[in-house]
Amino acid sequence: AAFRFELREDGLPELLPQAHGLGVDGACRPCSDTELLL
């Protein structure tokens, strides 16, 4: 059982589901206008 990891401090109150990347739930749905600007 082997894996690479990356750890980053966010600094943002929220993250879009797409920000998680790598196949998480919500990664495929279109962004809303608010999410586009963010």
PDB file of all heavy atoms in Angstrom:
ATOM      1  N   ALA A   1       0.877  -1.173   0.000  1.00  0.00           N
ATOM      2  CA  ALA A   1       0.000   0.000   0.000  1.00  0.00           C
ATOM      3  C   ALA A   1       0.912   1.220   0.000  1.00  0.00           C
ATOM      4  O   ALA A   1       1.528   1.544   1.023  1.00  0.00           O
ATOM      5  CB  ALA A   1      -0.912  -0.008   1.223  1.00  0.00           C
ATOM      6  N   ALA A   2       1.035   1.869  -1.144  1.00  0.00           N
ATOM      7  CA  ALA A   2       1.956   2.997  -1.280  1.00  0.00           C
ATOM      8  C   ALA A   2       1.238   4.166  -1.943  1.00  0.00           C
ATOM      9  O   ALA A   2       0.395   3.975  -2.820  1.00  0.00           O
ATOM     10  CB  ALA A   2       3.182   2.602  -2.096  1.00  0.00           C
ATOM     11  N   PHE A   3       1.582   5.372  -1.502  1.00  0.00           N
ATOM     12  CA  PHE A   3       0.976   6.557  -2.102  1.00  0.00           C
ATOM     13  C   PHE A   3       1.882   7.767  -1.895  1.00  0.00           C
ATOM     14  O   PHE A   3       2.726   7.799  -0.992  1.00  0.00           O
ATOM     15  CB  PHE A   3      -0.410   6.841  -1.503  1.00  0.00           C
ATOM     16  CG  PHE A   3      -0.426   7.061  -0.012  1.00  0.00           C
ATOM     17  CD1 PHE A   3      -0.228   8.328   0.531  1.00  0.00           C
ATOM     18  CD2 PHE A   3      -0.662   5.998   0.860  1.00  0.00           C
ATOM     19  CE1 PHE A   3      -0.249   8.533   1.902  1.00  0.00           C
ATOM     20  CE2 PHE A   3      -0.687   6.188   2.234  1.00  0.00           C
ATOM     21  CZ  PHE A   3      -0.483   7.458   2.757  1.00  0.00           C
ATOM     22  N   ARG A   4       1.710   8.735  -2.777  1.00  0.00           N
ATOM     23  CA  ARG A   4       2.320  10.053  -2.621  1.00  0.00           C
ATOM     24  C   ARG A   4       1.300  10.968  -1.951  1.00  0.00           C
ATOM     25  O   ARG A   4       0.095  10.790  -2.096  1.00  0.00           O
ATOM     26  CB  ARG A   4       2.717  10.634  -3.979  1.00  0.00           C
ATOM     27  CG  ARG A   4       3.776   9.863  -4.717  1.00  0.00           C
ATOM     28  CD  ARG A   4       3.899  10.342  -6.152  1.00  0.00           C
ATOM     29  NE  ARG A   4       4.261  11.742  -6.249  1.00  0.00           N
ATOM     30  CZ  ARG A   4       4.194  12.469  -7.367  1.00  0.00           C
ATOM     31  NH1 ARG A   4       3.745  11.922  -8.491  1.00  0.00           N
ATOM     32  NH2 ARG A   4       4.566  13.733  -7.372  1.00  0.00           N
ATOM     33  N   PHE A   5       1.803  11.971  -1.233  1.00  0.00           N
ATOM     34  CA  PHE A   5       0.883  12.926  -0.613  1.00  0.00           C
ATOM     35  C   PHE A   5       1.399  14.344  -0.817  1.00  0.00           C
ATOM     36  O   PHE A   5       2.599  14.588  -0.956  1.00  0.00           O
ATOM     37  CB  PHE A   5       0.689  12.634   0.879  1.00  0.00           C
ATOM     38  CG  PHE A   5       1.882  12.956   1.740  1.00  0.00           C
ATOM     39  CD1 PHE A   5       2.097  14.241   2.243  1.00  0.00           C
ATOM     40  CD2 PHE A   5       2.805  11.972   2.053  1.00  0.00           C
ATOM     41  CE1 PHE A   5       3.195  14.534   3.022  1.00  0.00           C
ATOM     42  CE2 PHE A   5       3.915  12.245   2.840  1.00  0.00           C
ATOM     43  CZ  PHE A   5       4.116  13.534   3.326  1.00  0.00           C
ATOM     44  N   GLU A   6       0.463  15.268  -0.851  1.00  0.00           N
ATOM     45  CA  GLU A   6       0.728  16.708  -0.856  1.00  0.00           C
ATOM     46  C   GLU A   6      -0.153  17.345   0.199  1.00  0.00           C
ATOM     47  O   GLU A   6      -1.342  17.025   0.299  1.00  0.00           O
ATOM     48  CB  GLU A   6       0.386  17.338  -2.207  1.00  0.00           C
ATOM     49  CG  GLU A   6       1.454  17.255  -3.258  1.00  0.00           C
ATOM     50  CD  GLU A   6       1.110  18.085  -4.489  1.00  0.00           C
ATOM     51  OE1 GLU A   6      -0.038  18.557  -4.594  1.00  0.00           O
ATOM     52  OE2 GLU A   6       1.990  18.244  -5.337  1.00  0.00           O
ATOM     53  N   LEU A   7       0.404  18.239   0.982  1.00  0.00           N
ATOM     54  CA  LEU A   7      -0.353  18.958   2.006  1.00  0.00           C
ATOM     55  C   LEU A   7      -0.170  20.447   1.779  1.00  0.00           C
ATOM     56  O   LEU A   7       0.958  20.934   1.685  1.00  0.00           O
ATOM     57  CB  LEU A   7       0.130  18.573   3.401  1.00  0.00           C
ATOM     58  CG  LEU A   7      -0.540  19.299   4.574  1.00  0.00           C
ATOM     59  CD1 LEU A   7      -2.021  18.929   4.668  1.00  0.00           C
ATOM     60  CD2 LEU A   7       0.167  18.985   5.881  1.00  0.00           C
ATOM     61  N   ARG A   8      -1.294  21.146   1.664  1.00  0.00           N
ATOM     62  CA  ARG A   8      -1.244  22.595   1.453  1.00  0.00           C
ATOM     63  C   ARG A   8      -2.210  23.274   2.399  1.00  0.00           C
ATOM     64  O   ARG A   8      -3.328  22.797   2.614  1.00  0.00           O
ATOM     65  CB  ARG A   8      -1.606  22.942   0.006  1.00  0.00           C
ATOM     66  CG  ARG A   8      -0.636  22.384  -1.009  1.00  0.00           C
ATOM     67  CD  ARG A   8      -1.108  22.576  -2.421  1.00  0.00           C
ATOM     68  NE  ARG A   8      -1.234  23.977  -2.778  1.00  0.00           N
ATOM     69  CZ  ARG A   8      -1.640  24.402  -3.976  1.00  0.00           C
ATOM     70  NH1 ARG A   8      -1.976  23.524  -4.901  1.00  0.00           N
ATOM     71  NH2 ARG A   8      -1.728  25.675  -4.243  1.00  0.00           N
ATOM     72  N   GLU A   9      -1.767  24.398   2.969  1.00  0.00           N
ATOM     73  CA  GLU A   9      -2.668  25.207   3.772  1.00  0.00           C
ATOM     74  C   GLU A   9      -3.518  26.048   2.839  1.00  0.00           C
ATOM     75  O   GLU A   9      -3.008  26.656   1.891  1.00  0.00           O
ATOM     76  CB  GLU A   9      -1.891  26.082   4.748  1.00  0.00           C
ATOM     77  CG  GLU A   9      -1.286  25.279   5.897  1.00  0.00           C
ATOM     78  CD  GLU A   9      -0.873  26.170   7.051  1.00  0.00           C
ATOM     79  OE1 GLU A   9      -0.704  27.381   6.831  1.00  0.00           O
ATOM     80  OE2 GLU A   9      -0.724  25.649   8.160  1.00  0.00           O
ATOM     81  N   ASP A  10      -4.796  26.067   3.119  1.00  0.00           N
ATOM     82  CA  ASP A  10      -5.760  26.666   2.194  1.00  0.00           C
ATOM     83  C   ASP A  10      -5.840  28.179   2.359  1.00  0.00           C
ATOM     84  O   ASP A  10      -5.621  28.932   1.428  1.00  0.00           O
ATOM     85  CB  ASP A  10      -7.103  25.978   2.435  1.00  0.00           C
ATOM     86  CG  ASP A  10      -8.209  26.529   1.562  1.00  0.00           C
ATOM     87  OD1 ASP A  10      -7.909  27.376   0.712  1.00  0.00           O
ATOM     88  OD2 ASP A  10      -9.341  26.112   1.725  1.00  0.00           O
ATOM     89  N   GLY A  11      -6.191  28.611   3.553  1.00  0.00           N
ATOM     90  CA  GLY A  11      -6.352  30.036   3.778  1.00  0.00           C
ATOM     91  C   GLY A  11      -7.666  30.586   3.280  1.00  0.00           C
ATOM     92  O   GLY A  11      -7.946  31.770   3.423  1.00  0.00           O
ATOM     93  N   LEU A  12      -8.500  29.734   2.678  1.00  0.00           N
ATOM     94  CA  LEU A  12      -9.797  30.166   2.163  1.00  0.00           C
ATOM     95  C   LEU A  12     -10.910  29.542   2.995  1.00  0.00           C
ATOM     96  O   LEU A  12     -10.797  28.398   3.428  1.00  0.00           O
ATOM     97  CB  LEU A  12      -9.971  29.742   0.701  1.00  0.00           C
ATOM     98  CG  LEU A  12      -8.944  30.306  -0.282  1.00  0.00           C
ATOM     99  CD1 LEU A  12      -9.125  29.654  -1.636  1.00  0.00           C
ATOM    100  CD2 LEU A  12      -9.069  31.812  -0.391  1.00  0.00           C
ATOM    101  N   PRO A  13     -11.997  30.267   3.236  1.00  0.00           N
ATOM    102  CA  PRO A  13     -13.081  29.697   4.033  1.00  0.00           C
ATOM    103  C   PRO A  13     -13.743  28.506   3.365  1.00  0.00           C
ATOM    104  O   PRO A  13     -14.234  27.621   4.026  1.00  0.00           O
ATOM    105  CB  PRO A  13     -14.071  30.864   4.182  1.00  0.00           C
ATOM    106  CG  PRO A  13     -13.770  31.766   3.019  1.00  0.00           C
ATOM    107  CD  PRO A  13     -12.299  31.633   2.788  1.00  0.00           C
ATOM    108  N   GLU A  14     -13.748  28.479   2.030  1.00  0.00           N
ATOM    109  CA  GLU A  14     -14.384  27.385   1.306  1.00  0.00           C
ATOM    110  C   GLU A  14     -13.531  27.023   0.096  1.00  0.00           C
ATOM    111  O   GLU A  14     -12.795  27.842  -0.427  1.00  0.00           O
ATOM    112  CB  GLU A  14     -15.797  27.767   0.846  1.00  0.00           C
ATOM    113  CG  GLU A  14     -16.781  27.994   1.989  1.00  0.00           C
ATOM    114  CD  GLU A  14     -17.074  26.735   2.777  1.00  0.00           C
ATOM    115  OE1 GLU A  14     -16.884  25.629   2.229  1.00  0.00           O
ATOM    116  OE2 GLU A  14     -17.479  26.858   3.932  1.00  0.00           O
ATOM    117  N   LEU A  15     -13.673  25.799  -0.346  1.00  0.00           N
ATOM    118  CA  LEU A  15     -13.041  25.364  -1.582  1.00  0.00           C
ATOM    119  C   LEU A  15     -14.099  24.752  -2.485  1.00  0.00           C
ATOM    120  O   LEU A  15     -14.994  24.057  -2.008  1.00  0.00           O
ATOM    121  CB  LEU A  15     -11.960  24.314  -1.311  1.00  0.00           C
ATOM    122  CG  LEU A  15     -10.517  24.790  -1.150  1.00  0.00           C
ATOM    123  CD1 LEU A  15      -9.617  23.573  -1.000  1.00  0.00           C
ATOM    124  CD2 LEU A  15     -10.053  25.615  -2.327  1.00  0.00           C
ATOM    125  N   LEU A  16     -14.001  25.029  -3.772  1.00  0.00           N
ATOM    126  CA  LEU A  16     -14.908  24.384  -4.703  1.00  0.00           C
ATOM    127  C   LEU A  16     -14.636  22.885  -4.715  1.00  0.00           C
ATOM    128  O   LEU A  16     -13.506  22.452  -4.511  1.00  0.00           O
ATOM    129  CB  LEU A  16     -14.690  24.933  -6.113  1.00  0.00           C
ATOM    130  CG  LEU A  16     -14.682  26.455  -6.288  1.00  0.00           C
ATOM    131  CD1 LEU A  16     -14.551  26.785  -7.771  1.00  0.00           C
ATOM    132  CD2 LEU A  16     -15.931  27.075  -5.720  1.00  0.00           C
ATOM    133  N   PRO A  17     -15.646  22.057  -4.963  1.00  0.00           N
ATOM    134  CA  PRO A  17     -15.393  20.619  -5.112  1.00  0.00           C
ATOM    135  C   PRO A  17     -14.336  20.335  -6.169  1.00  0.00           C
ATOM    136  O   PRO A  17     -13.536  19.423  -6.035  1.00  0.00           O
ATOM    137  CB  PRO A  17     -16.766  20.065  -5.518  1.00  0.00           C
ATOM    138  CG  PRO A  17     -17.750  21.045  -4.995  1.00  0.00           C
ATOM    139  CD  PRO A  17     -17.083  22.391  -5.085  1.00  0.00           C
ATOM    140  N   GLN A  18     -14.313  21.147  -7.229  1.00  0.00           N
ATOM    141  CA  GLN A  18     -13.344  20.940  -8.295  1.00  0.00           C
ATOM    142  C   GLN A  18     -11.913  21.175  -7.821  1.00  0.00           C
ATOM    143  O   GLN A  18     -10.968  20.664  -8.409  1.00  0.00           O
ATOM    144  CB  GLN A  18     -13.657  21.874  -9.474  1.00  0.00           C
ATOM    145  CG  GLN A  18     -14.982  21.576 -10.166  1.00  0.00           C
ATOM    146  CD  GLN A  18     -16.144  22.310  -9.508  1.00  0.00           C
ATOM    147  OE1 GLN A  18     -16.078  22.710  -8.363  1.00  0.00           O
ATOM    148  NE2 GLN A  18     -17.228  22.469 -10.252  1.00  0.00           N
ATOM    149  N   ALA A  19     -11.739  21.957  -6.764  1.00  0.00           N
ATOM    150  CA  ALA A  19     -10.389  22.258  -6.295  1.00  0.00           C
ATOM    151  C   ALA A  19      -9.708  21.023  -5.740  1.00  0.00           C
ATOM    152  O   ALA A  19      -8.489  20.936  -5.713  1.00  0.00           O
ATOM    153  CB  ALA A  19     -10.438  23.349  -5.215  1.00  0.00           C
ATOM    154  N   HIS A  20     -10.489  20.060  -5.276  1.00  0.00           N
ATOM    155  CA  HIS A  20      -9.911  18.850  -4.719  1.00  0.00           C
ATOM    156  C   HIS A  20      -9.324  17.963  -5.804  1.00  0.00           C
ATOM    157  O   HIS A  20      -8.383  17.222  -5.549  1.00  0.00           O
ATOM    158  CB  HIS A  20     -10.968  18.085  -3.921  1.00  0.00           C
ATOM    159  CG  HIS A  20     -11.431  18.827  -2.708  1.00  0.00           C
ATOM    160  ND1 HIS A  20     -12.513  18.441  -1.965  1.00  0.00           N
ATOM    161  CD2 HIS A  20     -10.956  19.940  -2.105  1.00  0.00           C
ATOM    162  CE1 HIS A  20     -12.689  19.270  -0.952  1.00  0.00           C
ATOM    163  NE2 HIS A  20     -11.754  20.189  -1.024  1.00  0.00           N
ATOM    164  N   GLY A  21      -9.881  18.025  -7.007  1.00  0.00           N
ATOM    165  CA  GLY A  21      -9.332  17.268  -8.133  1.00  0.00           C
ATOM    166  C   GLY A  21      -9.251  15.782  -7.860  1.00  0.00           C
ATOM    167  O   GLY A  21      -9.798  15.247  -6.901  1.00  0.00           O
ATOM    168  N   LEU A  22      -8.554  15.062  -8.736  1.00  0.00           N
ATOM    169  CA  LEU A  22      -8.258  13.644  -8.553  1.00  0.00           C
ATOM    170  C   LEU A  22      -9.501  12.794  -8.358  1.00  0.00           C
ATOM    171  O   LEU A  22      -9.498  11.830  -7.601  1.00  0.00           O
ATOM    172  CB  LEU A  22      -7.285  13.443  -7.389  1.00  0.00           C
ATOM    173  CG  LEU A  22      -5.933  14.142  -7.522  1.00  0.00           C
ATOM    174  CD1 LEU A  22      -5.074  13.869  -6.304  1.00  0.00           C
ATOM    175  CD2 LEU A  22      -5.212  13.705  -8.767  1.00  0.00           C
ATOM    176  N   GLY A  23     -10.596  13.182  -8.973  1.00  0.00           N
ATOM    177  CA  GLY A  23     -11.744  12.286  -9.036  1.00  0.00           C
ATOM    178  C   GLY A  23     -12.714  12.339  -7.889  1.00  0.00           C
ATOM    179  O   GLY A  23     -13.468  11.408  -7.656  1.00  0.00           O
ATOM    180  N   VAL A  24     -12.730  13.420  -7.098  1.00  0.00           N
ATOM    181  CA  VAL A  24     -13.659  13.477  -5.982  1.00  0.00           C
ATOM    182  C   VAL A  24     -15.062  13.789  -6.473  1.00  0.00           C
ATOM    183  O   VAL A  24     -15.278  14.227  -7.596  1.00  0.00           O
ATOM    184  CB  VAL A  24     -13.232  14.547  -4.956  1.00  0.00           C
ATOM    185  CG1 VAL A  24     -11.861  14.220  -4.404  1.00  0.00           C
ATOM    186  CG2 VAL A  24     -13.236  15.921  -5.571  1.00  0.00           C
ATOM    187  N   ASP A  25     -16.039  13.545  -5.594  1.00  0.00           N
ATOM    188  CA  ASP A  25     -17.422  13.843  -5.937  1.00  0.00           C
ATOM    189  C   ASP A  25     -17.573  15.341  -6.206  1.00  0.00           C
ATOM    190  O   ASP A  25     -17.039  16.180  -5.494  1.00  0.00           O
ATOM    191  CB  ASP A  25     -18.344  13.435  -4.785  1.00  0.00           C
ATOM    192  CG  ASP A  25     -18.345  11.932  -4.567  1.00  0.00           C
ATOM    193  OD1 ASP A  25     -17.991  11.203  -5.516  1.00  0.00           O
ATOM    194  OD2 ASP A  25     -18.673  11.491  -3.448  1.00  0.00           O
ATOM    195  N   GLY A  26     -18.314  15.680  -7.227  1.00  0.00           N
ATOM    196  CA  GLY A  26     -18.553  17.076  -7.556  1.00  0.00           C
ATOM    197  C   GLY A  26     -17.543  17.655  -8.510  1.00  0.00           C
ATOM    198  O   GLY A  26     -17.690  18.797  -8.950  1.00  0.00           O
ATOM    199  N   ALA A  27     -16.485  16.900  -8.840  1.00  0.00           N
ATOM    200  CA  ALA A  27     -15.431  17.444  -9.697  1.00  0.00           C
ATOM    201  C   ALA A  27     -15.904  17.670 -11.124  1.00  0.00           C
ATOM    202  O   ALA A  27     -15.277  18.424 -11.864  1.00  0.00           O
ATOM    203  CB  ALA A  27     -14.224  16.513  -9.698  1.00  0.00           C
ATOM    204  N   CYS A  28     -17.003  17.038 -11.541  1.00  0.00           N
ATOM    205  CA  CYS A  28     -17.454  17.138 -12.936  1.00  0.00           C
ATOM    206  C   CYS A  28     -18.568  18.149 -13.145  1.00  0.00           C
ATOM    207  O   CYS A  28     -18.856  18.498 -14.299  1.00  0.00           O
ATOM    208  CB  CYS A  28     -17.938  15.769 -13.427  1.00  0.00           C
ATOM    209  SG  CYS A  28     -16.699  14.463 -13.334  1.00  0.00           S
ATOM    210  N   ARG A  29     -19.208  18.589 -12.104  1.00  0.00           N
ATOM    211  CA  ARG A  29     -20.361  19.464 -12.322  1.00  0.00           C
ATOM    212  C   ARG A  29     -19.915  20.857 -12.758  1.00  0.00           C
ATOM    213  O   ARG A  29     -18.847  21.330 -12.378  1.00  0.00           O
ATOM    214  CB  ARG A  29     -21.202  19.553 -11.050  1.00  0.00           C
ATOM    215  CG  ARG A  29     -20.559  20.313  -9.902  1.00  0.00           C
ATOM    216  CD  ARG A  29     -21.581  20.566  -8.809  1.00  0.00           C
ATOM    217  NE  ARG A  29     -21.001  21.260  -7.667  1.00  0.00           N
ATOM    218  CZ  ARG A  29     -20.774  22.559  -7.632  1.00  0.00           C
ATOM    219  NH1 ARG A  29     -21.036  23.312  -8.675  1.00  0.00           N
ATOM    220  NH2 ARG A  29     -20.271  23.114  -6.543  1.00  0.00           N
ATOM    221  N   PRO A  30     -20.739  21.542 -13.574  1.00  0.00           N
ATOM    222  CA  PRO A  30     -20.383  22.896 -14.016  1.00  0.00           C
ATOM    223  C   PRO A  30     -20.304  23.858 -12.835  1.00  0.00           C
ATOM    224  O   PRO A  30     -21.008  23.698 -11.828  1.00  0.00           O
ATOM    225  CB  PRO A  30     -21.531  23.270 -14.963  1.00  0.00           C
ATOM    226  CG  PRO A  30     -22.156  21.972 -15.353  1.00  0.00           C
ATOM    227  CD  PRO A  30     -21.983  21.057 -14.179  1.00  0.00           C
ATOM    228  N   CYS A  31     -19.455  24.868 -12.964  1.00  0.00           N
ATOM    229  CA  CYS A  31     -19.326  25.876 -11.924  1.00  0.00           C
ATOM    230  C   CYS A  31     -20.445  26.911 -12.060  1.00  0.00           C
ATOM    231  O   CYS A  31     -20.830  27.287 -13.171  1.00  0.00           O
ATOM    232  CB  CYS A  31     -17.970  26.579 -12.027  1.00  0.00           C
ATOM    233  SG  CYS A  31     -16.545  25.493 -11.762  1.00  0.00           S
ATOM    234  N   SER A  32     -20.936  27.365 -10.944  1.00  0.00           N
ATOM    235  CA  SER A  32     -21.911  28.453 -10.944  1.00  0.00           C
ATOM    236  C   SER A  32     -21.179  29.769 -11.240  1.00  0.00           C
ATOM    237  O   SER A  32     -19.942  29.831 -11.238  1.00  0.00           O
ATOM    238  CB  SER A  32     -22.605  28.542  -9.588  1.00  0.00           C
ATOM    239  OG  SER A  32     -21.674  28.921  -8.582  1.00  0.00           O
ATOM    240  N   ASP A  33     -21.937  30.839 -11.472  1.00  0.00           N
ATOM    241  CA  ASP A  33     -21.316  32.136 -11.738  1.00  0.00           C
ATOM    242  C   ASP A  33     -20.447  32.577 -10.556  1.00  0.00           C
ATOM    243  O   ASP A  33     -19.342  33.096 -10.739  1.00  0.00           O
ATOM    244  CB  ASP A  33     -22.387  33.194 -12.002  1.00  0.00           C
ATOM    245  CG  ASP A  33     -23.045  33.025 -13.364  1.00  0.00           C
ATOM    246  OD1 ASP A  33     -22.602  32.149 -14.138  1.00  0.00           O
ATOM    247  OD2 ASP A  33     -24.009  33.770 -13.660  1.00  0.00           O
ATOM    248  N   THR A  34     -20.941  32.386  -9.343  1.00  0.00           N
ATOM    249  CA  THR A  34     -20.167  32.758  -8.155  1.00  0.00           C
ATOM    250  C   THR A  34     -18.878  31.948  -8.082  1.00  0.00           C
ATOM    251  O   THR A  34     -17.806  32.478  -7.768  1.00  0.00           O
ATOM    252  CB  THR A  34     -20.999  32.533  -6.884  1.00  0.00           C
ATOM    253  OG1 THR A  34     -22.181  33.339  -6.946  1.00  0.00           O
ATOM    254  CG2 THR A  34     -20.208  32.901  -5.637  1.00  0.00           C
ATOM    255  N   GLU A  35     -18.966  30.657  -8.394  1.00  0.00           N
ATOM    256  CA  GLU A  35     -17.780  29.802  -8.355  1.00  0.00           C
ATOM    257  C   GLU A  35     -16.787  30.172  -9.452  1.00  0.00           C
ATOM    258  O   GLU A  35     -15.566  30.093  -9.246  1.00  0.00           O
ATOM    259  CB  GLU A  35     -18.202  28.338  -8.471  1.00  0.00           C
ATOM    260  CG  GLU A  35     -18.915  27.818  -7.229  1.00  0.00           C
ATOM    261  CD  GLU A  35     -19.502  26.431  -7.419  1.00  0.00           C
ATOM    262  OE1 GLU A  35     -19.757  26.040  -8.587  1.00  0.00           O
ATOM    263  OE2 GLU A  35     -19.722  25.740  -6.415  1.00  0.00           O
ATOM    264  N   LEU A  36     -17.289  30.579 -10.623  1.00  0.00           N
ATOM    265  CA  LEU A  36     -16.393  31.010 -11.694  1.00  0.00           C
ATOM    266  C   LEU A  36     -15.537  32.191 -11.251  1.00  0.00           C
ATOM    267  O   LEU A  36     -14.317  32.222 -11.457  1.00  0.00           O
ATOM    268  CB  LEU A  36     -17.200  31.399 -12.937  1.00  0.00           C
ATOM    269  CG  LEU A  36     -17.911  30.285 -13.705  1.00  0.00           C
ATOM    270  CD1 LEU A  36     -18.668  30.884 -14.884  1.00  0.00           C
ATOM    271  CD2 LEU A  36     -16.924  29.244 -14.188  1.00  0.00           C
ATOM    272  N   LEU A  37     -16.178  33.167 -10.633  1.00  0.00           N
ATOM    273  CA  LEU A  37     -15.459  34.367 -10.206  1.00  0.00           C
ATOM    274  C   LEU A  37     -14.488  34.044  -9.080  1.00  0.00           C
ATOM    275  O   LEU A  37     -13.369  34.566  -9.049  1.00  0.00           O
ATOM    276  CB  LEU A  37     -16.462  35.434  -9.768  1.00  0.00           C
ATOM    277  CG  LEU A  37     -17.418  35.922 -10.869  1.00  0.00           C
ATOM    278  CD1 LEU A  37     -18.483  36.824 -10.289  1.00  0.00           C
ATOM    279  CD2 LEU A  37     -16.653  36.631 -11.975  1.00  0.00           C
ATOM    280  N   LEU A  38     -14.891  33.178  -8.155  1.00  0.00           N
ATOM    281  CA  LEU A  38     -13.996  32.784  -7.065  1.00  0.00           C
ATOM    282  C   LEU A  38     -12.801  32.014  -7.617  1.00  0.00           C
ATOM    283  O   LEU A  38     -11.657  32.231  -7.198  1.00  0.00           O
ATOM    284  CB  LEU A  38     -14.756  31.930  -6.051  1.00  0.00           C
ATOM    285  CG  LEU A  38     -13.951  31.410  -4.856  1.00  0.00           C
ATOM    286  CD1 LEU A  38     -13.406  32.562  -4.034  1.00  0.00           C
ATOM    287  CD2 LEU A  38     -14.809  30.494  -3.986  1.00  0.00           C
TER     288      LEU A  38
END
